């Protein structure tokens, strides 16, 4: 595992960890970063498949921290709809008007890594495991949900969360 050490010469905190497969040590400058999240899509979010806005929200007071699992939930999903989450490294969000889905919902991600998750009702939890890698400290990601239901209008999108990974 990694260890934190103070370098008197530079006055900096270093994370030192065994390099995978080499037997050498990797050294990273440890810069503490505050974990945070925010909603980056327009407020109020009005895109809906059920009459209520589709929202990507955070469970409780969770924060995106290196080496932990970040807990989110998609709210107001229609029963039976396929739910897909998209995660993309920022900066991907731009001020250019986003394209829209067949339901008229804007989508903000260009090429997210997608994965499906269980639709368990109007509040469907989904988790994002954040690797225990110091290189992720300070990284920003966007998370957007996609609600696929061809019995209504097709694809609806959720509000977008911006995650700032911290320690």
N, C-alpha and C. Protein backbone atom coordinates (compact mmCIF):
# COMPACT_ATOMS: atom_id res chain seq x y z
N UNK A 1 0.81 -1.18 0.00
CA UNK A 1 0.00 0.00 0.00
C UNK A 1 0.86 1.25 0.00
N UNK A 2 0.22 2.35 -0.30
CA UNK A 2 0.92 3.64 -0.36
C UNK A 2 1.16 4.18 1.04
N UNK A 3 2.23 4.94 1.17
CA UNK A 3 2.53 5.63 2.42
C UNK A 3 2.76 7.10 2.11
N UNK A 4 2.34 7.94 3.03
CA UNK A 4 2.58 9.37 2.90
C UNK A 4 3.83 9.73 3.69
N UNK A 5 4.71 10.51 3.07
CA UNK A 5 5.94 10.95 3.74
C UNK A 5 6.11 12.45 3.48
N UNK A 6 6.76 13.13 4.43
CA UNK A 6 7.03 14.55 4.28
C UNK A 6 8.46 14.71 3.79
N UNK A 7 8.65 15.45 2.67
CA UNK A 7 9.96 15.71 2.11
C UNK A 7 10.44 17.06 2.64
N UNK A 8 11.41 17.03 3.58
CA UNK A 8 11.92 18.26 4.18
C UNK A 8 12.54 19.20 3.16
N UNK A 9 13.19 18.65 2.13
CA UNK A 9 13.87 19.49 1.15
C UNK A 9 12.88 20.34 0.35
N UNK A 10 11.77 19.76 -0.04
CA UNK A 10 10.80 20.50 -0.86
C UNK A 10 9.65 21.06 -0.05
N UNK A 11 9.47 20.53 1.18
CA UNK A 11 8.34 20.96 2.00
C UNK A 11 7.01 20.41 1.52
N UNK A 12 7.06 19.30 0.79
CA UNK A 12 5.84 18.73 0.22
C UNK A 12 5.56 17.35 0.80
N UNK A 13 4.31 16.95 0.73
CA UNK A 13 3.90 15.61 1.12
C UNK A 13 3.96 14.73 -0.12
N UNK A 14 4.57 13.56 0.02
CA UNK A 14 4.68 12.62 -1.10
C UNK A 14 3.95 11.33 -0.76
N UNK A 15 3.32 10.75 -1.78
CA UNK A 15 2.75 9.41 -1.65
C UNK A 15 3.71 8.46 -2.33
N UNK A 16 4.15 7.44 -1.61
CA UNK A 16 5.10 6.48 -2.14
C UNK A 16 4.42 5.12 -2.14
N UNK A 17 4.46 4.44 -3.30
CA UNK A 17 3.78 3.14 -3.42
C UNK A 17 4.61 2.23 -4.31
N UNK A 18 4.52 0.91 -4.08
CA UNK A 18 5.23 -0.03 -4.96
C UNK A 18 4.67 0.05 -6.38
N UNK A 19 5.56 0.10 -7.37
CA UNK A 19 5.12 0.07 -8.77
C UNK A 19 4.71 -1.35 -9.10
N UNK A 20 3.63 -1.48 -9.84
CA UNK A 20 3.10 -2.80 -10.16
C UNK A 20 4.06 -3.53 -11.09
N UNK A 21 4.47 -4.73 -10.66
CA UNK A 21 5.27 -5.61 -11.48
C UNK A 21 6.74 -5.26 -11.66
N UNK A 22 7.23 -4.18 -11.04
CA UNK A 22 8.63 -3.81 -11.26
C UNK A 22 9.49 -3.95 -10.02
N UNK A 23 8.90 -3.92 -8.85
CA UNK A 23 9.66 -3.94 -7.61
C UNK A 23 10.21 -2.57 -7.23
N UNK A 24 10.05 -1.58 -8.10
CA UNK A 24 10.48 -0.21 -7.81
C UNK A 24 9.38 0.52 -7.04
N UNK A 25 9.69 1.74 -6.64
CA UNK A 25 8.70 2.58 -5.97
C UNK A 25 8.26 3.71 -6.89
N UNK A 26 6.96 3.99 -6.91
CA UNK A 26 6.42 5.16 -7.59
C UNK A 26 6.23 6.24 -6.55
N UNK A 27 6.54 7.47 -6.91
CA UNK A 27 6.37 8.59 -6.00
C UNK A 27 5.47 9.62 -6.65
N UNK A 28 4.46 10.06 -5.92
CA UNK A 28 3.53 11.08 -6.39
C UNK A 28 3.52 12.22 -5.40
N UNK A 29 3.48 13.45 -5.91
CA UNK A 29 3.30 14.59 -5.02
C UNK A 29 1.85 14.57 -4.55
N UNK A 30 1.67 14.58 -3.26
CA UNK A 30 0.33 14.50 -2.69
C UNK A 30 -0.19 15.91 -2.46
N UNK A 31 -1.20 16.25 -3.21
CA UNK A 31 -1.83 17.56 -3.07
C UNK A 31 -3.26 17.32 -2.61
N UNK A 32 -3.53 17.53 -1.34
CA UNK A 32 -4.90 17.31 -0.88
C UNK A 32 -5.88 18.13 -1.70
N UNK A 33 -6.99 17.52 -2.02
CA UNK A 33 -8.00 18.17 -2.84
C UNK A 33 -9.36 17.93 -2.20
N UNK A 34 -10.16 18.95 -2.18
CA UNK A 34 -11.48 18.83 -1.57
C UNK A 34 -12.41 18.12 -2.54
N UNK A 35 -13.02 17.05 -2.07
CA UNK A 35 -14.01 16.33 -2.87
C UNK A 35 -15.30 17.13 -2.90
N UNK A 36 -15.92 17.21 -4.08
CA UNK A 36 -17.17 17.96 -4.18
C UNK A 36 -17.96 17.47 -5.38
N UNK A 37 -19.19 17.92 -5.46
CA UNK A 37 -20.03 17.66 -6.63
C UNK A 37 -20.96 18.85 -6.81
N UNK A 38 -21.44 19.01 -8.03
CA UNK A 38 -22.41 20.06 -8.31
C UNK A 38 -23.26 19.63 -9.50
N UNK A 39 -24.41 20.25 -9.65
CA UNK A 39 -25.26 20.01 -10.81
C UNK A 39 -24.86 21.02 -11.87
N UNK A 40 -24.53 20.52 -13.06
CA UNK A 40 -24.04 21.42 -14.10
C UNK A 40 -25.07 21.66 -15.19
N UNK A 41 -26.19 20.98 -15.14
CA UNK A 41 -27.21 21.18 -16.15
C UNK A 41 -28.15 22.31 -15.72
N UNK A 42 -28.98 22.80 -16.63
CA UNK A 42 -29.87 23.90 -16.29
C UNK A 42 -30.79 23.57 -15.12
N UNK A 43 -31.08 24.57 -14.34
CA UNK A 43 -31.98 24.41 -13.20
C UNK A 43 -33.16 25.34 -13.40
N UNK A 44 -34.39 24.96 -13.23
CA UNK A 44 -34.78 23.60 -12.88
C UNK A 44 -34.71 22.68 -14.10
N UNK A 45 -34.40 21.42 -13.84
CA UNK A 45 -34.33 20.41 -14.90
C UNK A 45 -35.75 19.97 -15.20
N UNK A 46 -36.14 20.00 -16.47
CA UNK A 46 -37.53 19.70 -16.81
C UNK A 46 -37.70 18.47 -17.67
N UNK A 47 -36.62 17.86 -18.13
CA UNK A 47 -36.75 16.68 -18.97
C UNK A 47 -37.42 15.56 -18.19
N UNK A 48 -38.42 14.93 -18.82
CA UNK A 48 -39.22 13.95 -18.09
C UNK A 48 -39.71 12.85 -19.01
N UNK A 49 -39.85 11.67 -18.45
CA UNK A 49 -40.50 10.58 -19.16
C UNK A 49 -41.77 10.19 -18.42
N UNK A 50 -41.94 10.68 -17.21
CA UNK A 50 -43.07 10.26 -16.37
C UNK A 50 -43.91 11.43 -15.89
N UNK A 51 -43.59 12.63 -16.29
CA UNK A 51 -44.27 13.81 -15.76
C UNK A 51 -43.47 14.51 -14.69
N UNK A 52 -42.60 13.78 -14.02
CA UNK A 52 -41.70 14.36 -13.01
C UNK A 52 -40.30 14.41 -13.63
N UNK A 53 -39.50 15.44 -13.34
CA UNK A 53 -38.18 15.55 -13.96
C UNK A 53 -37.26 14.39 -13.58
N UNK A 54 -36.49 13.92 -14.57
CA UNK A 54 -35.49 12.88 -14.33
C UNK A 54 -34.26 13.54 -13.72
N UNK A 55 -33.90 13.10 -12.53
CA UNK A 55 -32.80 13.74 -11.81
C UNK A 55 -31.73 12.73 -11.45
N UNK A 56 -30.47 13.11 -11.65
CA UNK A 56 -29.34 12.34 -11.13
C UNK A 56 -28.93 13.07 -9.86
N UNK A 57 -29.02 12.39 -8.72
CA UNK A 57 -28.73 13.03 -7.45
C UNK A 57 -27.75 12.18 -6.65
N UNK A 58 -27.28 12.74 -5.56
CA UNK A 58 -26.32 12.07 -4.68
C UNK A 58 -27.08 11.49 -3.50
N UNK A 59 -26.70 10.28 -3.08
CA UNK A 59 -27.31 9.67 -1.90
C UNK A 59 -26.69 10.26 -0.65
N UNK A 60 -27.52 10.83 0.19
CA UNK A 60 -27.06 11.37 1.47
C UNK A 60 -26.02 12.45 1.30
N UNK A 61 -24.98 12.38 2.10
CA UNK A 61 -23.90 13.36 2.07
C UNK A 61 -22.64 12.79 1.45
N UNK A 62 -22.79 11.86 0.52
CA UNK A 62 -21.66 11.18 -0.08
C UNK A 62 -20.77 12.17 -0.86
N UNK A 63 -19.48 11.87 -0.93
CA UNK A 63 -18.53 12.67 -1.68
C UNK A 63 -17.65 11.77 -2.54
N UNK A 64 -17.20 12.24 -3.72
CA UNK A 64 -16.33 11.43 -4.58
C UNK A 64 -14.89 11.46 -4.06
N UNK A 65 -14.48 10.41 -3.36
CA UNK A 65 -13.18 10.34 -2.72
C UNK A 65 -12.38 9.18 -3.32
N UNK A 66 -11.09 9.42 -3.54
CA UNK A 66 -10.20 8.40 -4.08
C UNK A 66 -10.28 7.14 -3.21
N UNK A 67 -10.43 5.99 -3.87
CA UNK A 67 -10.46 4.71 -3.16
C UNK A 67 -11.80 4.36 -2.53
N UNK A 68 -12.84 5.14 -2.82
CA UNK A 68 -14.15 4.89 -2.22
C UNK A 68 -15.20 4.71 -3.32
N UNK A 69 -16.38 4.32 -2.92
CA UNK A 69 -17.50 4.21 -3.83
C UNK A 69 -18.42 5.40 -3.63
N UNK A 70 -18.75 6.07 -4.72
CA UNK A 70 -19.63 7.24 -4.69
C UNK A 70 -21.04 6.77 -5.03
N UNK A 71 -21.99 7.08 -4.17
CA UNK A 71 -23.36 6.58 -4.31
C UNK A 71 -24.29 7.66 -4.86
N UNK A 72 -24.93 7.35 -5.99
CA UNK A 72 -25.87 8.27 -6.63
C UNK A 72 -27.20 7.56 -6.83
N UNK A 73 -28.18 8.29 -7.33
CA UNK A 73 -29.46 7.68 -7.67
C UNK A 73 -30.13 8.46 -8.78
N UNK A 74 -30.86 7.73 -9.61
CA UNK A 74 -31.67 8.33 -10.65
C UNK A 74 -33.09 8.36 -10.11
N UNK A 75 -33.69 9.54 -10.11
CA UNK A 75 -35.05 9.70 -9.56
C UNK A 75 -36.07 9.86 -10.68
N UNK A 76 -37.27 9.32 -10.43
CA UNK A 76 -38.46 9.47 -11.28
C UNK A 76 -38.40 8.66 -12.56
N UNK A 77 -37.80 7.48 -12.50
CA UNK A 77 -37.77 6.58 -13.66
C UNK A 77 -39.12 5.90 -13.84
N UNK A 78 -39.47 5.65 -15.09
CA UNK A 78 -40.71 4.92 -15.39
C UNK A 78 -40.47 3.43 -15.17
N UNK A 79 -41.45 2.71 -14.63
CA UNK A 79 -41.29 1.27 -14.45
C UNK A 79 -40.97 0.59 -15.78
N UNK A 80 -40.01 -0.31 -15.77
CA UNK A 80 -39.66 -1.07 -16.97
C UNK A 80 -38.68 -0.40 -17.90
N UNK A 81 -38.33 0.85 -17.67
CA UNK A 81 -37.38 1.54 -18.55
C UNK A 81 -35.97 1.03 -18.31
N UNK A 82 -35.16 1.00 -19.36
CA UNK A 82 -33.74 0.66 -19.24
C UNK A 82 -33.01 1.90 -18.75
N UNK A 83 -32.20 1.76 -17.73
CA UNK A 83 -31.43 2.89 -17.20
C UNK A 83 -29.96 2.68 -17.52
N UNK A 84 -29.35 3.71 -18.07
CA UNK A 84 -27.94 3.65 -18.43
C UNK A 84 -27.27 4.88 -17.83
N UNK A 85 -26.11 4.69 -17.22
CA UNK A 85 -25.33 5.80 -16.69
C UNK A 85 -24.16 6.06 -17.60
N UNK A 86 -23.80 7.31 -17.76
CA UNK A 86 -22.64 7.68 -18.55
C UNK A 86 -21.67 8.46 -17.69
N UNK A 87 -20.39 8.09 -17.71
CA UNK A 87 -19.35 8.79 -16.97
C UNK A 87 -18.31 9.24 -17.98
N UNK A 88 -17.93 10.52 -17.88
CA UNK A 88 -16.99 11.08 -18.84
C UNK A 88 -16.03 12.03 -18.13
N UNK A 89 -14.76 11.94 -18.49
CA UNK A 89 -13.75 12.84 -17.94
C UNK A 89 -14.01 14.24 -18.49
N UNK A 90 -13.97 15.25 -17.62
CA UNK A 90 -14.16 16.64 -18.05
C UNK A 90 -12.80 17.22 -18.43
N UNK A 91 -12.72 18.26 -19.21
CA UNK A 91 -13.81 19.14 -19.58
C UNK A 91 -14.53 18.63 -20.82
N UNK A 92 -15.78 18.21 -20.66
CA UNK A 92 -16.60 17.77 -21.78
C UNK A 92 -17.81 18.67 -21.94
N UNK A 93 -18.24 19.29 -20.84
CA UNK A 93 -19.40 20.16 -20.92
C UNK A 93 -18.98 21.49 -21.53
N UNK A 94 -19.74 21.97 -22.48
CA UNK A 94 -19.40 23.22 -23.15
C UNK A 94 -20.60 24.15 -23.11
N UNK A 95 -20.39 25.38 -23.54
CA UNK A 95 -21.49 26.33 -23.58
C UNK A 95 -22.26 26.23 -24.89
N UNK A 96 -21.80 25.38 -25.81
CA UNK A 96 -22.51 25.16 -27.06
C UNK A 96 -23.84 24.48 -26.75
N UNK A 97 -24.94 24.92 -27.38
CA UNK A 97 -26.22 24.24 -27.09
C UNK A 97 -26.10 22.75 -27.39
N UNK A 98 -26.49 21.92 -26.44
CA UNK A 98 -26.33 20.48 -26.62
C UNK A 98 -27.35 19.92 -27.61
N UNK A 99 -27.01 18.78 -28.24
CA UNK A 99 -28.01 18.12 -29.08
C UNK A 99 -29.14 17.59 -28.19
N UNK A 100 -30.25 17.25 -28.79
CA UNK A 100 -31.39 16.75 -28.02
C UNK A 100 -31.78 15.35 -28.47
N UNK A 101 -32.40 14.61 -27.56
CA UNK A 101 -32.88 13.26 -27.85
C UNK A 101 -34.24 13.35 -28.53
N UNK A 102 -34.79 12.19 -28.88
CA UNK A 102 -36.11 12.15 -29.50
C UNK A 102 -37.20 12.69 -28.57
N UNK A 103 -36.93 12.73 -27.28
CA UNK A 103 -37.89 13.26 -26.30
C UNK A 103 -37.72 14.76 -26.10
N UNK A 104 -36.74 15.35 -26.79
CA UNK A 104 -36.49 16.77 -26.62
C UNK A 104 -35.59 17.09 -25.45
N UNK A 105 -34.93 16.09 -24.90
CA UNK A 105 -34.04 16.29 -23.75
C UNK A 105 -32.62 16.55 -24.23
N UNK A 106 -31.94 17.53 -23.65
CA UNK A 106 -30.55 17.76 -24.03
C UNK A 106 -29.64 16.69 -23.44
N UNK A 107 -28.60 16.34 -24.17
CA UNK A 107 -27.57 15.49 -23.56
C UNK A 107 -26.24 16.18 -23.71
N UNK A 108 -25.46 16.11 -22.64
CA UNK A 108 -24.26 16.91 -22.51
C UNK A 108 -22.98 16.14 -22.72
N UNK A 109 -23.03 14.82 -22.75
CA UNK A 109 -21.80 14.05 -22.85
C UNK A 109 -21.50 13.72 -24.30
N UNK A 110 -20.21 13.77 -24.65
CA UNK A 110 -19.80 13.49 -26.02
C UNK A 110 -19.55 12.01 -26.25
N UNK A 111 -18.76 11.39 -25.40
CA UNK A 111 -18.43 9.97 -25.57
C UNK A 111 -18.23 9.33 -24.20
N UNK A 112 -19.33 9.20 -23.45
CA UNK A 112 -19.19 8.65 -22.09
C UNK A 112 -18.92 7.16 -22.09
N UNK A 113 -18.35 6.68 -21.00
CA UNK A 113 -18.28 5.25 -20.73
C UNK A 113 -19.64 4.90 -20.14
N UNK A 114 -20.37 4.02 -20.79
CA UNK A 114 -21.74 3.73 -20.36
C UNK A 114 -21.87 2.37 -19.72
N UNK A 115 -22.85 2.25 -18.86
CA UNK A 115 -23.17 0.98 -18.21
C UNK A 115 -24.62 1.03 -17.76
N UNK A 116 -25.28 -0.12 -17.80
CA UNK A 116 -26.67 -0.15 -17.36
C UNK A 116 -26.72 -0.45 -15.87
N UNK A 117 -27.81 -0.06 -15.24
CA UNK A 117 -28.03 -0.37 -13.84
C UNK A 117 -29.50 -0.65 -13.62
N UNK A 118 -29.81 -1.30 -12.51
CA UNK A 118 -31.15 -1.81 -12.26
C UNK A 118 -32.16 -0.69 -12.03
N UNK A 119 -33.31 -0.84 -12.68
CA UNK A 119 -34.43 0.06 -12.46
C UNK A 119 -35.29 -0.58 -11.38
N UNK A 120 -35.17 -0.07 -10.16
CA UNK A 120 -35.88 -0.68 -9.02
C UNK A 120 -37.05 0.18 -8.56
N UNK A 121 -37.42 1.15 -9.38
CA UNK A 121 -38.56 1.98 -9.01
C UNK A 121 -38.28 3.44 -9.27
N UNK A 122 -39.07 4.28 -8.67
CA UNK A 122 -38.90 5.71 -8.93
C UNK A 122 -37.56 6.26 -8.45
N UNK A 123 -36.88 5.57 -7.52
CA UNK A 123 -35.54 5.95 -7.08
C UNK A 123 -34.64 4.74 -7.28
N UNK A 124 -33.73 4.83 -8.26
CA UNK A 124 -32.85 3.71 -8.59
C UNK A 124 -31.41 4.08 -8.29
N UNK A 125 -30.79 3.41 -7.30
CA UNK A 125 -29.41 3.73 -6.93
C UNK A 125 -28.41 3.22 -7.95
N UNK A 126 -27.31 3.94 -8.09
CA UNK A 126 -26.19 3.40 -8.83
C UNK A 126 -24.90 3.97 -8.27
N UNK A 127 -23.86 3.14 -8.32
CA UNK A 127 -22.60 3.44 -7.65
C UNK A 127 -21.47 3.59 -8.65
N UNK A 128 -20.52 4.43 -8.29
CA UNK A 128 -19.32 4.63 -9.10
C UNK A 128 -18.12 4.37 -8.19
N UNK A 129 -17.40 3.28 -8.48
CA UNK A 129 -16.19 2.97 -7.71
C UNK A 129 -15.06 3.85 -8.24
N UNK A 130 -14.42 4.58 -7.35
CA UNK A 130 -13.30 5.46 -7.72
C UNK A 130 -12.02 4.76 -7.30
N UNK A 131 -11.16 4.49 -8.27
CA UNK A 131 -9.93 3.74 -8.00
C UNK A 131 -9.06 4.44 -6.97
N UNK A 132 -8.31 3.65 -6.24
CA UNK A 132 -7.39 4.19 -5.23
C UNK A 132 -6.08 4.55 -5.91
N UNK A 133 -6.13 5.61 -6.72
CA UNK A 133 -4.98 6.04 -7.50
C UNK A 133 -4.78 7.53 -7.29
N UNK A 134 -3.63 7.95 -6.75
CA UNK A 134 -3.39 9.37 -6.48
C UNK A 134 -3.53 10.25 -7.72
N UNK A 135 -3.37 9.68 -8.92
CA UNK A 135 -3.48 10.47 -10.14
C UNK A 135 -4.90 11.00 -10.34
N UNK A 136 -5.88 10.40 -9.67
CA UNK A 136 -7.27 10.85 -9.82
C UNK A 136 -7.61 12.05 -8.94
N UNK A 137 -6.73 12.39 -8.00
CA UNK A 137 -7.01 13.52 -7.10
C UNK A 137 -7.07 14.80 -7.92
N UNK A 138 -8.17 15.50 -7.81
CA UNK A 138 -8.39 16.73 -8.56
C UNK A 138 -9.04 16.53 -9.91
N UNK A 139 -9.23 15.27 -10.34
CA UNK A 139 -9.89 15.00 -11.63
C UNK A 139 -11.37 15.34 -11.53
N UNK A 140 -11.94 15.75 -12.66
CA UNK A 140 -13.37 16.06 -12.72
C UNK A 140 -14.04 15.15 -13.72
N UNK A 141 -15.21 14.66 -13.36
CA UNK A 141 -16.00 13.78 -14.21
C UNK A 141 -17.43 14.31 -14.29
N UNK A 142 -18.10 14.01 -15.39
CA UNK A 142 -19.53 14.28 -15.46
C UNK A 142 -20.26 12.95 -15.41
N UNK A 143 -21.42 12.96 -14.79
CA UNK A 143 -22.27 11.76 -14.72
C UNK A 143 -23.66 12.17 -15.19
N UNK A 144 -24.17 11.44 -16.18
CA UNK A 144 -25.51 11.71 -16.71
C UNK A 144 -26.22 10.38 -16.86
N UNK A 145 -27.51 10.36 -16.58
CA UNK A 145 -28.29 9.15 -16.73
C UNK A 145 -29.13 9.21 -18.00
N UNK A 146 -29.34 8.05 -18.59
CA UNK A 146 -30.16 7.94 -19.79
C UNK A 146 -31.30 6.96 -19.49
N UNK A 147 -32.50 7.39 -19.76
CA UNK A 147 -33.73 6.65 -19.48
C UNK A 147 -34.28 6.22 -20.83
N UNK A 148 -34.24 4.90 -21.10
CA UNK A 148 -34.64 4.40 -22.41
C UNK A 148 -35.97 3.67 -22.27
N UNK A 149 -37.00 4.20 -22.93
CA UNK A 149 -38.34 3.61 -22.86
C UNK A 149 -39.06 3.93 -24.17
N UNK A 150 -39.08 2.96 -25.07
CA UNK A 150 -39.66 3.21 -26.39
C UNK A 150 -41.19 3.15 -26.39
N UNK A 151 -41.80 2.85 -25.23
CA UNK A 151 -43.26 2.93 -25.16
C UNK A 151 -43.70 4.38 -24.98
N UNK A 152 -42.75 5.27 -24.63
CA UNK A 152 -43.06 6.70 -24.52
C UNK A 152 -42.37 7.40 -25.69
N UNK A 153 -41.34 8.16 -25.42
CA UNK A 153 -40.72 8.91 -26.51
C UNK A 153 -39.32 8.43 -26.86
N UNK A 154 -38.80 7.44 -26.20
CA UNK A 154 -37.47 6.92 -26.53
C UNK A 154 -36.46 7.18 -25.44
N UNK A 155 -35.56 8.14 -25.68
CA UNK A 155 -34.47 8.39 -24.73
C UNK A 155 -34.67 9.74 -24.05
N UNK A 156 -34.70 9.71 -22.74
CA UNK A 156 -34.74 10.92 -21.93
C UNK A 156 -33.44 10.98 -21.15
N UNK A 157 -33.02 12.18 -20.76
CA UNK A 157 -31.77 12.33 -20.01
C UNK A 157 -32.05 12.94 -18.64
N UNK A 158 -31.11 12.70 -17.74
CA UNK A 158 -31.21 13.26 -16.40
C UNK A 158 -30.41 14.55 -16.31
N UNK A 159 -30.53 15.21 -15.19
CA UNK A 159 -29.63 16.31 -14.89
C UNK A 159 -28.22 15.74 -14.81
N UNK A 160 -27.20 16.59 -14.93
CA UNK A 160 -25.81 16.16 -14.96
C UNK A 160 -25.13 16.54 -13.65
N UNK A 161 -24.39 15.58 -13.10
CA UNK A 161 -23.56 15.86 -11.93
C UNK A 161 -22.11 16.04 -12.38
N UNK A 162 -21.44 17.02 -11.81
CA UNK A 162 -20.00 17.18 -12.01
C UNK A 162 -19.33 16.77 -10.71
N UNK A 163 -18.44 15.78 -10.80
CA UNK A 163 -17.73 15.27 -9.62
C UNK A 163 -16.30 15.76 -9.66
N UNK A 164 -15.84 16.28 -8.54
CA UNK A 164 -14.44 16.66 -8.38
C UNK A 164 -13.85 15.71 -7.33
N UNK A 165 -12.98 14.82 -7.80
CA UNK A 165 -12.44 13.77 -6.95
C UNK A 165 -11.43 14.37 -5.96
N UNK A 166 -11.60 14.02 -4.70
CA UNK A 166 -10.70 14.52 -3.67
C UNK A 166 -10.24 13.44 -2.73
N UNK A 167 -9.69 13.88 -1.62
CA UNK A 167 -9.13 12.94 -0.64
C UNK A 167 -9.92 12.99 0.64
